[in-house]
Amino acid sequence: MRINRYLAACGLGSRRSCEELVLAGRVEIAGKVVHELSTEVAENAHVSCDGIPVRPPEIRHVVLFHKPKGCVCARHDPQGRQTIYDLLPPHFLRLVHVGRLDFASRGLLLLSDDGEVVDRLTHPRYEHRKVYRVLLDGPLEPEDLRKLSKGGWLLEDDRRPLEPVGVKGDGVSLELTLKEGRNRQIRRMMAAFGREVIDLQRTAVGEWRLSGLEEGTWKLLPDDEWRSLRQSLGLPPLPGDRSPQPPARSSSPPTTRSSRNTRSR
């Protein structure tokens, strides 16, 4: 297994961010600093990062969280605002959020310590769809809706044309389906049409839905669903995971059950 995939399996981040750890000289195998990204890790190798031994566990975790407005997707905020981790149990601090929702947005957010899952769900080339409900301060013009659906236009300060957006709705209340995720993309697109976003809620990421999960609550995926998720993303079993692999998941969405946060706020 290549070093970047091994570190991602240890929950240290996506493969790309783990490559940065290697290039910074922070990773060692058997006490020797690793410099090459092509380095292969043997099954029983002693690997450390910043002097701390790391090894992929047999089971990883994926959490579905209904992010409320008024908190940021970060472990610490320089402005002192509430973070998503303030609303989650302390042991979830090691989980990485998959993408982000801005301070004023709400909705479905996935968190995981499975770096490969994080990488597959965030990298643009995998095109995992994200669905949003958007309420505007006024209707979009028919031409604006056609422009959204067609794609190929530029946002201010962007150099890459936008991908087509799935659009449903009457111009004031919309359902938008995106296969890419740029910084404040929906708000910037609506601003380009002269409209302000009043409410923005993400309702789905890939096959996972928000339905049944109340605002501020979370759900931990069972082990079999985590394995099914890895399989649906084309990922192999983790080293040491010898549990039977589940059959491929059907196209019908799973039933979502909310789980109340055990910490009072």
C-alpha atoms as a PDB file:
ATOM      1  CA  MET A   1       0.000   0.000   0.000  1.00  0.00           C
ATOM      2  CA  ARG A   2       1.372   3.424  -0.944  1.00  0.00           C
ATOM      3  CA  ILE A   3       2.278   5.756   1.895  1.00  0.00           C
ATOM      4  CA  ASN A   4      -0.385   8.366   1.112  1.00  0.00           C
ATOM      5  CA  ARG A   5      -3.166   5.773   1.086  1.00  0.00           C
ATOM      6  CA  TYR A   6      -1.822   4.219   4.297  1.00  0.00           C
ATOM      7  CA  LEU A   7      -1.829   7.568   6.109  1.00  0.00           C
ATOM      8  CA  ALA A   8      -5.319   8.341   4.811  1.00  0.00           C
ATOM      9  CA  ALA A   9      -6.495   4.976   6.130  1.00  0.00           C
ATOM     10  CA  CYS A  10      -5.060   6.034   9.503  1.00  0.00           C
ATOM     11  CA  GLY A  11      -7.440   8.997   9.466  1.00  0.00           C
ATOM     12  CA  LEU A  12      -4.790  11.690   8.970  1.00  0.00           C
ATOM     13  CA  GLY A  13      -6.685  13.322   6.114  1.00  0.00           C
ATOM     14  CA  SER A  14      -7.290  12.879   2.413  1.00  0.00           C
ATOM     15  CA  ARG A  15      -4.625  11.308   0.221  1.00  0.00           C
ATOM     16  CA  ARG A  16      -3.616  14.713  -1.064  1.00  0.00           C
ATOM     17  CA  SER A  17      -3.205  16.204   2.414  1.00  0.00           C
ATOM     18  CA  CYS A  18      -1.263  13.099   3.496  1.00  0.00           C
ATOM     19  CA  GLU A  19       1.135  13.645   0.610  1.00  0.00           C
ATOM     20  CA  GLU A  20       1.906  17.040   2.138  1.00  0.00           C
ATOM     21  CA  LEU A  21       2.809  15.335   5.429  1.00  0.00           C
ATOM     22  CA  VAL A  22       5.304  13.146   3.581  1.00  0.00           C
ATOM     23  CA  LEU A  23       6.819  16.019   1.609  1.00  0.00           C
ATOM     24  CA  ALA A  24       7.208  18.002   4.848  1.00  0.00           C
ATOM     25  CA  GLY A  25       9.362  15.195   6.292  1.00  0.00           C
ATOM     26  CA  ARG A  26       6.911  14.426   9.104  1.00  0.00           C
ATOM     27  CA  VAL A  27       6.472  10.721   8.307  1.00  0.00           C
ATOM     28  CA  GLU A  28       8.839   7.906   9.276  1.00  0.00           C
ATOM     29  CA  ILE A  29       8.932   4.175   8.600  1.00  0.00           C
ATOM     30  CA  ALA A  30      11.056   2.146  11.042  1.00  0.00           C
ATOM     31  CA  GLY A  31      12.628   5.372  12.307  1.00  0.00           C
ATOM     32  CA  LYS A  32      13.666   6.651   8.854  1.00  0.00           C
ATOM     33  CA  VAL A  33      12.102   9.743   7.304  1.00  0.00           C
ATOM     34  CA  VAL A  34      10.073   9.025   4.160  1.00  0.00           C
ATOM     35  CA  HIS A  35      10.755  11.365   1.229  1.00  0.00           C
ATOM     36  CA  GLU A  36       9.214   9.534  -1.726  1.00  0.00           C
ATOM     37  CA  LEU A  37       5.459   9.520  -2.363  1.00  0.00           C
ATOM     38  CA  SER A  38       5.873   6.199  -4.174  1.00  0.00           C
ATOM     39  CA  THR A  39       6.995   4.476  -0.956  1.00  0.00           C
ATOM     40  CA  GLU A  40       5.130   1.228  -0.271  1.00  0.00           C
ATOM     41  CA  VAL A  41       4.190   0.303   3.299  1.00  0.00           C
ATOM     42  CA  ALA A  42       4.552  -3.341   4.297  1.00  0.00           C
ATOM     43  CA  GLU A  43       1.771  -4.950   6.331  1.00  0.00           C
ATOM     44  CA  ASN A  44       3.655  -4.955   9.655  1.00  0.00           C
ATOM     45  CA  ALA A  45       5.686  -1.776   9.122  1.00  0.00           C
ATOM     46  CA  HIS A  46       6.167   0.660  12.011  1.00  0.00           C
ATOM     47  CA  VAL A  47       4.914   4.023  10.718  1.00  0.00           C
ATOM     48  CA  SER A  48       4.848   7.284  12.643  1.00  0.00           C
ATOM     49  CA  CYS A  49       3.821  10.885  11.974  1.00  0.00           C
ATOM     50  CA  ASP A  50       5.392  13.644  14.066  1.00  0.00           C
ATOM     51  CA  GLY A  51       6.883  10.891  16.196  1.00  0.00           C
ATOM     52  CA  ILE A  52       3.500   9.329  17.016  1.00  0.00           C
ATOM     53  CA  PRO A  53       2.889   5.732  15.822  1.00  0.00           C
ATOM     54  CA  VAL A  54      -0.039   5.387  13.424  1.00  0.00           C
ATOM     55  CA  ARG A  55      -1.851   2.319  12.152  1.00  0.00           C
ATOM     56  CA  PRO A  56      -5.205   1.909  10.389  1.00  0.00           C
ATOM     57  CA  PRO A  57      -7.873   0.459  12.684  1.00  0.00           C
ATOM     58  CA  GLU A  58     -10.099  -2.293  11.413  1.00  0.00           C
ATOM     59  CA  ILE A  59     -13.231  -0.152  11.661  1.00  0.00           C
ATOM     60  CA  ARG A  60     -13.639   3.473  10.643  1.00  0.00           C
ATOM     61  CA  HIS A  61     -16.494   5.837  11.409  1.00  0.00           C
ATOM     62  CA  VAL A  62     -18.847   7.926   9.304  1.00  0.00           C
ATOM     63  CA  VAL A  63     -21.217  10.389  10.960  1.00  0.00           C
ATOM     64  CA  LEU A  64     -24.192  12.155   9.388  1.00  0.00           C
ATOM     65  CA  PHE A  65     -24.734  15.516  11.084  1.00  0.00           C
ATOM     66  CA  HIS A  66     -27.518  18.059  10.571  1.00  0.00           C
ATOM     67  CA  LYS A  67     -25.532  21.275  10.841  1.00  0.00           C
ATOM     68  CA  PRO A  68     -27.551  24.248  12.114  1.00  0.00           C
ATOM     69  CA  LYS A  69     -26.969  27.861  11.168  1.00  0.00           C
ATOM     70  CA  GLY A  70     -24.585  29.868  13.318  1.00  0.00           C
ATOM     71  CA  CYS A  71     -21.583  27.541  13.483  1.00  0.00           C
ATOM     72  CA  VAL A  72     -18.499  27.052  11.324  1.00  0.00           C
ATOM     73  CA  CYS A  73     -16.953  23.917   9.848  1.00  0.00           C
ATOM     74  CA  ALA A  74     -13.652  24.089  11.713  1.00  0.00           C
ATOM     75  CA  ARG A  75     -12.090  22.762  14.900  1.00  0.00           C
ATOM     76  CA  HIS A  76     -11.177  26.269  16.053  1.00  0.00           C
ATOM     77  CA  ASP A  77     -12.408  29.643  14.859  1.00  0.00           C
ATOM     78  CA  PRO A  78     -10.154  32.740  15.096  1.00  0.00           C
ATOM     79  CA  GLN A  79     -13.257  34.888  15.561  1.00  0.00           C
ATOM     80  CA  GLY A  80     -14.430  32.811  18.510  1.00  0.00           C
ATOM     81  CA  ARG A  81     -17.600  31.598  16.827  1.00  0.00           C
ATOM     82  CA  GLN A  82     -19.210  28.282  17.662  1.00  0.00           C
ATOM     83  CA  THR A  83     -17.900  25.334  15.625  1.00  0.00           C
ATOM     84  CA  ILE A  84     -19.579  22.112  14.561  1.00  0.00           C
ATOM     85  CA  TYR A  85     -17.326  20.238  17.000  1.00  0.00           C
ATOM     86  CA  ASP A  86     -18.832  22.213  19.895  1.00  0.00           C
ATOM     87  CA  LEU A  87     -22.122  20.499  19.039  1.00  0.00           C
ATOM     88  CA  LEU A  88     -20.670  16.977  18.780  1.00  0.00           C
ATOM     89  CA  PRO A  89     -19.303  14.565  21.400  1.00  0.00           C
ATOM     90  CA  PRO A  90     -15.639  15.211  22.347  1.00  0.00           C
ATOM     91  CA  HIS A  91     -14.373  11.987  20.715  1.00  0.00           C
ATOM     92  CA  PHE A  92     -15.681  13.233  17.339  1.00  0.00           C
ATOM     93  CA  LEU A  93     -12.986  15.918  17.331  1.00  0.00           C
ATOM     94  CA  ARG A  94     -10.730  13.569  15.365  1.00  0.00           C
ATOM     95  CA  LEU A  95     -13.273  13.212  12.559  1.00  0.00           C
ATOM     96  CA  VAL A  96     -12.736  15.212   9.358  1.00  0.00           C
ATOM     97  CA  HIS A  97     -15.712  17.049   7.874  1.00  0.00           C
ATOM     98  CA  VAL A  98     -16.427  16.153   4.236  1.00  0.00           C
ATOM     99  CA  GLY A  99     -16.581  19.530   2.516  1.00  0.00           C
ATOM    100  CA  ARG A 100     -18.164  22.369   4.435  1.00  0.00           C
ATOM    101  CA  LEU A 101     -21.238  24.539   4.868  1.00  0.00           C
ATOM    102  CA  ASP A 102     -20.758  28.223   5.636  1.00  0.00           C
ATOM    103  CA  PHE A 103     -21.759  29.964   8.872  1.00  0.00           C
ATOM    104  CA  ALA A 104     -25.225  30.960   7.643  1.00  0.00           C
ATOM    105  CA  SER A 105     -26.045  27.630   5.951  1.00  0.00           C
ATOM    106  CA  ARG A 106     -27.524  24.464   7.407  1.00  0.00           C
ATOM    107  CA  GLY A 107     -28.071  20.876   6.399  1.00  0.00           C
ATOM    108  CA  LEU A 108     -26.368  17.539   5.896  1.00  0.00           C
ATOM    109  CA  LEU A 109     -22.663  17.280   6.678  1.00  0.00           C
ATOM    110  CA  LEU A 110     -20.660  14.047   6.706  1.00  0.00           C
ATOM    111  CA  LEU A 111     -17.689  13.530   9.027  1.00  0.00           C
ATOM    112  CA  SER A 112     -15.272  10.594   9.002  1.00  0.00           C
ATOM    113  CA  ASP A 113     -11.892   9.307  10.131  1.00  0.00           C
ATOM    114  CA  ASP A 114     -11.689   7.266   6.912  1.00  0.00           C
ATOM    115  CA  GLY A 115      -9.384   9.425   4.807  1.00  0.00           C
ATOM    116  CA  GLU A 116     -10.119   7.500   1.617  1.00  0.00           C
ATOM    117  CA  VAL A 117     -13.866   8.071   2.005  1.00  0.00           C
ATOM    118  CA  VAL A 118     -13.221  11.773   2.619  1.00  0.00           C
ATOM    119  CA  ASP A 119     -11.075  11.941  -0.514  1.00  0.00           C
ATOM    120  CA  ARG A 120     -13.637  10.169  -2.729  1.00  0.00           C
ATOM    121  CA  LEU A 121     -16.508  12.355  -1.519  1.00  0.00           C
ATOM    122  CA  THR A 122     -14.649  15.655  -1.903  1.00  0.00           C
ATOM    123  CA  HIS A 123     -12.523  15.254  -5.038  1.00  0.00           C
ATOM    124  CA  PRO A 124     -14.264  16.873  -8.048  1.00  0.00           C
ATOM    125  CA  ARG A 125     -13.429  14.029 -10.449  1.00  0.00           C
ATOM    126  CA  TYR A 126     -15.794  11.641  -8.626  1.00  0.00           C
ATOM    127  CA  GLU A 127     -18.754  14.005  -9.150  1.00  0.00           C
ATOM    128  CA  HIS A 128     -20.804  13.054  -6.106  1.00  0.00           C
ATOM    129  CA  ARG A 129     -23.991  15.050  -6.264  1.00  0.00           C
ATOM    130  CA  LYS A 130     -25.099  17.402  -3.515  1.00  0.00           C
ATOM    131  CA  VAL A 131     -28.681  18.645  -3.295  1.00  0.00           C
ATOM    132  CA  TYR A 132     -29.676  21.998  -1.788  1.00  0.00           C
ATOM    133  CA  ARG A 133     -32.926  23.797  -0.995  1.00  0.00           C
ATOM    134  CA  VAL A 134     -32.525  27.508  -1.659  1.00  0.00           C
ATOM    135  CA  LEU A 135     -34.890  30.362  -0.752  1.00  0.00           C
ATOM    136  CA  LEU A 136     -34.231  33.695  -2.505  1.00  0.00           C
ATOM    137  CA  ASP A 137     -35.357  37.267  -1.860  1.00  0.00           C
ATOM    138  CA  GLY A 138     -37.007  37.314  -5.279  1.00  0.00           C
ATOM    139  CA  PRO A 139     -37.526  35.156  -8.377  1.00  0.00           C
ATOM    140  CA  LEU A 140     -34.841  34.376 -10.901  1.00  0.00           C
ATOM    141  CA  GLU A 141     -35.577  35.222 -14.504  1.00  0.00           C
ATOM    142  CA  PRO A 142     -36.169  32.340 -16.947  1.00  0.00           C
ATOM    143  CA  GLU A 143     -32.884  33.203 -18.639  1.00  0.00           C
ATOM    144  CA  ASP A 144     -31.076  32.896 -15.278  1.00  0.00           C
ATOM    145  CA  LEU A 145     -32.544  29.424 -14.756  1.00  0.00           C
ATOM    146  CA  ARG A 146     -31.470  28.375 -18.247  1.00  0.00           C
ATOM    147  CA  LYS A 147     -27.969  29.718 -17.572  1.00  0.00           C
ATOM    148  CA  LEU A 148     -27.725  27.666 -14.374  1.00  0.00           C
ATOM    149  CA  SER A 149     -28.869  24.506 -16.152  1.00  0.00           C
ATOM    150  CA  LYS A 150     -26.519  24.982 -19.081  1.00  0.00           C
ATOM    151  CA  GLY A 151     -23.336  25.849 -17.142  1.00  0.00           C
ATOM    152  CA  GLY A 152     -20.178  27.005 -18.869  1.00  0.00           C
ATOM    153  CA  TRP A 153     -20.104  30.532 -17.383  1.00  0.00           C
ATOM    154  CA  LEU A 154     -17.643  32.125 -14.985  1.00  0.00           C
ATOM    155  CA  LEU A 155     -18.113  33.443 -11.478  1.00  0.00           C
ATOM    156  CA  GLU A 156     -16.185  36.542 -10.489  1.00  0.00           C
ATOM    157  CA  ASP A 157     -12.526  35.718  -9.715  1.00  0.00           C
ATOM    158  CA  ASP A 158     -12.924  32.163 -11.060  1.00  0.00           C
ATOM    159  CA  ARG A 159     -10.998  30.851 -14.057  1.00  0.00           C
ATOM    160  CA  ARG A 160     -12.835  27.552 -14.496  1.00  0.00           C
ATOM    161  CA  PRO A 161     -16.321  27.551 -16.066  1.00  0.00           C
ATOM    162  CA  LEU A 162     -19.180  26.270 -13.928  1.00  0.00           C
ATOM    163  CA  GLU A 163     -20.605  22.807 -14.427  1.00  0.00           C
ATOM    164  CA  PRO A 164     -24.325  22.508 -15.282  1.00  0.00           C
ATOM    165  CA  VAL A 165     -26.622  22.684 -12.240  1.00  0.00           C
ATOM    166  CA  GLY A 166     -29.787  20.638 -11.835  1.00  0.00           C
ATOM    167  CA  VAL A 167     -32.628  23.087 -11.227  1.00  0.00           C
ATOM    168  CA  LYS A 168     -36.154  22.550  -9.921  1.00  0.00           C
ATOM    169  CA  GLY A 169     -38.529  25.203  -8.618  1.00  0.00           C
ATOM    170  CA  ASP A 170     -40.334  28.426  -9.420  1.00  0.00           C
ATOM    171  CA  GLY A 171     -37.430  30.853  -9.252  1.00  0.00           C
ATOM    172  CA  VAL A 172     -37.861  31.869  -5.588  1.00  0.00           C
ATOM    173  CA  SER A 173     -37.766  28.455  -3.901  1.00  0.00           C
ATOM    174  CA  LEU A 174     -35.317  26.196  -5.702  1.00  0.00           C
ATOM    175  CA  GLU A 175     -33.815  22.739  -5.457  1.00  0.00           C
ATOM    176  CA  LEU A 176     -30.291  22.802  -6.888  1.00  0.00           C
ATOM    177  CA  THR A 177     -28.164  19.735  -7.588  1.00  0.00           C
ATOM    178  CA  LEU A 178     -24.407  20.310  -7.891  1.00  0.00           C
ATOM    179  CA  LYS A 179     -21.580  17.944  -8.777  1.00  0.00           C
ATOM    180  CA  GLU A 180     -18.861  20.370  -7.730  1.00  0.00           C
ATOM    181  CA  GLY A 181     -18.279  22.399  -4.594  1.00  0.00           C
ATOM    182  CA  ARG A 182     -16.668  25.821  -4.778  1.00  0.00           C
ATOM    183  CA  ASN A 183     -16.381  28.323  -1.978  1.00  0.00           C
ATOM    184  CA  ARG A 184     -19.844  29.835  -1.301  1.00  0.00           C
ATOM    185  CA  GLN A 185     -20.802  28.720  -4.807  1.00  0.00           C
ATOM    186  CA  ILE A 186     -24.585  28.977  -4.548  1.00  0.00           C
ATOM    187  CA  ARG A 187     -24.512  32.368  -2.833  1.00  0.00           C
ATOM    188  CA  ARG A 188     -22.079  33.690  -5.460  1.00  0.00           C
ATOM    189  CA  MET A 189     -24.168  32.338  -8.336  1.00  0.00           C
ATOM    190  CA  MET A 190     -27.320  33.946  -6.963  1.00  0.00           C
ATOM    191  CA  ALA A 191     -25.462  37.233  -6.363  1.00  0.00           C
ATOM    192  CA  ALA A 192     -24.413  37.173 -10.023  1.00  0.00           C
ATOM    193  CA  PHE A 193     -28.154  37.223 -10.864  1.00  0.00           C
ATOM    194  CA  GLY A 194     -28.789  40.078  -8.424  1.00  0.00           C
ATOM    195  CA  ARG A 195     -30.455  37.878  -5.806  1.00  0.00           C
ATOM    196  CA  GLU A 196     -29.753  37.273  -2.128  1.00  0.00           C
ATOM    197  CA  VAL A 197     -30.014  33.848  -0.497  1.00  0.00           C
ATOM    198  CA  ILE A 198     -32.420  33.950   2.451  1.00  0.00           C
ATOM    199  CA  ASP A 199     -32.032  30.288   3.423  1.00  0.00           C
ATOM    200  CA  LEU A 200     -29.684  27.559   2.205  1.00  0.00           C
ATOM    201  CA  GLN A 201     -30.022  23.933   3.278  1.00  0.00           C
ATOM    202  CA  ARG A 202     -28.128  20.902   1.964  1.00  0.00           C
ATOM    203  CA  THR A 203     -30.503  17.939   1.893  1.00  0.00           C
ATOM    204  CA  ALA A 204     -28.367  15.177   0.353  1.00  0.00           C
ATOM    205  CA  VAL A 205     -24.769  14.133  -0.255  1.00  0.00           C
ATOM    206  CA  GLY A 206     -24.525  11.252  -2.712  1.00  0.00           C
ATOM    207  CA  GLU A 207     -27.004   8.614  -1.585  1.00  0.00           C
ATOM    208  CA  TRP A 208     -27.304   9.979   1.968  1.00  0.00           C
ATOM    209  CA  ARG A 209     -30.372  12.034   2.873  1.00  0.00           C
ATOM    210  CA  LEU A 210     -31.190  14.516   5.617  1.00  0.00           C
ATOM    211  CA  SER A 211     -34.735  13.228   6.135  1.00  0.00           C
ATOM    212  CA  GLY A 212     -35.449  12.183   9.725  1.00  0.00           C
ATOM    213  CA  LEU A 213     -32.361  13.903  11.165  1.00  0.00           C
ATOM    214  CA  GLU A 214     -33.333  16.912  13.241  1.00  0.00           C
ATOM    215  CA  GLU A 215     -31.247  20.074  13.256  1.00  0.00           C
ATOM    216  CA  GLY A 216     -28.236  19.793  15.571  1.00  0.00           C
ATOM    217  CA  THR A 217     -28.426  15.973  15.814  1.00  0.00           C
ATOM    218  CA  TRP A 218     -26.195  13.276  14.359  1.00  0.00           C
ATOM    219  CA  LYS A 219     -26.208   9.626  13.354  1.00  0.00           C
ATOM    220  CA  LEU A 220     -23.285   7.191  13.374  1.00  0.00           C
ATOM    221  CA  LEU A 221     -23.426   4.782  10.447  1.00  0.00           C
ATOM    222  CA  PRO A 222     -23.387   1.103  11.499  1.00  0.00           C
ATOM    223  CA  ASP A 223     -20.302  -0.884  10.474  1.00  0.00           C
ATOM    224  CA  ASP A 224     -22.127  -2.661   7.647  1.00  0.00           C
ATOM    225  CA  GLU A 225     -23.274   0.669   6.167  1.00  0.00           C
ATOM    226  CA  TRP A 226     -19.727   2.026   6.454  1.00  0.00           C
ATOM    227  CA  ARG A 227     -18.422  -0.997   4.542  1.00  0.00           C
ATOM    228  CA  SER A 228     -21.191  -0.593   1.968  1.00  0.00           C
ATOM    229  CA  LEU A 229     -20.212   3.052   1.579  1.00  0.00           C
ATOM    230  CA  ARG A 230     -16.579   2.094   0.906  1.00  0.00           C
ATOM    231  CA  GLN A 231     -17.704  -0.513  -1.592  1.00  0.00           C
ATOM    232  CA  SER A 232     -20.049   1.924  -3.372  1.00  0.00           C
ATOM    233  CA  LEU A 233     -17.124   4.363  -3.693  1.00  0.00           C
ATOM    234  CA  GLY A 234     -14.946   1.663  -5.264  1.00  0.00           C
ATOM    235  CA  LEU A 235     -12.657   1.352  -2.227  1.00  0.00           C
ATOM    236  CA  PRO A 236     -11.154  -1.957  -1.067  1.00  0.00           C
ATOM    237  CA  PRO A 237     -11.384  -3.245   2.525  1.00  0.00           C
ATOM    238  CA  LEU A 238      -8.938  -1.612   4.939  1.00  0.00           C
ATOM    239  CA  PRO A 239      -5.876  -3.580   6.076  1.00  0.00           C
ATOM    240  CA  GLY A 240      -6.864  -5.937   8.869  1.00  0.00           C
ATOM    241  CA  ASP A 241     -10.598  -5.749   8.123  1.00  0.00           C
ATOM    242  CA  ARG A 242     -11.469  -9.376   7.543  1.00  0.00           C
ATOM    243  CA  SER A 243     -15.188  -8.998   8.117  1.00  0.00           C
ATOM    244  CA  PRO A 244     -17.446 -10.254   5.326  1.00  0.00           C
ATOM    245  CA  GLN A 245     -18.064  -7.509   2.765  1.00  0.00           C
ATOM    246  CA  PRO A 246     -21.728  -6.608   2.247  1.00  0.00           C
ATOM    247  CA  PRO A 247     -23.454  -6.881  -1.109  1.00  0.00           C
ATOM    248  CA  ALA A 248     -23.627  -3.750  -3.239  1.00  0.00           C
ATOM    249  CA  ARG A 249     -26.148  -1.230  -1.934  1.00  0.00           C
ATOM    250  CA  SER A 250     -29.395  -0.865  -3.833  1.00  0.00           C
ATOM    251  CA  SER A 251     -30.367   2.450  -5.362  1.00  0.00           C
ATOM    252  CA  SER A 252     -33.116   3.054  -2.785  1.00  0.00           C
ATOM    253  CA  PRO A 253     -32.082   5.472  -0.013  1.00  0.00           C
ATOM    254  CA  PRO A 254     -31.572   4.129   3.510  1.00  0.00           C
ATOM    255  CA  THR A 255     -33.844   5.021   6.379  1.00  0.00           C
ATOM    256  CA  THR A 256     -32.249   7.774   8.443  1.00  0.00           C
ATOM    257  CA  ARG A 257     -32.692   7.703  12.208  1.00  0.00           C
ATOM    258  CA  SER A 258     -31.751  10.723  14.275  1.00  0.00           C
ATOM    259  CA  SER A 259     -29.592  10.438  17.368  1.00  0.00           C
ATOM    260  CA  ARG A 260     -29.715  13.216  19.920  1.00  0.00           C
ATOM    261  CA  ASN A 261     -26.507  14.929  20.909  1.00  0.00           C
ATOM    262  CA  THR A 262     -25.524  13.814  24.404  1.00  0.00           C
ATOM    263  CA  ARG A 263     -23.862  17.139  25.216  1.00  0.00           C
ATOM    264  CA  SER A 264     -26.082  19.977  26.341  1.00  0.00           C
ATOM    265  CA  ARG A 265     -25.517  23.434  24.843  1.00  0.00           C
END
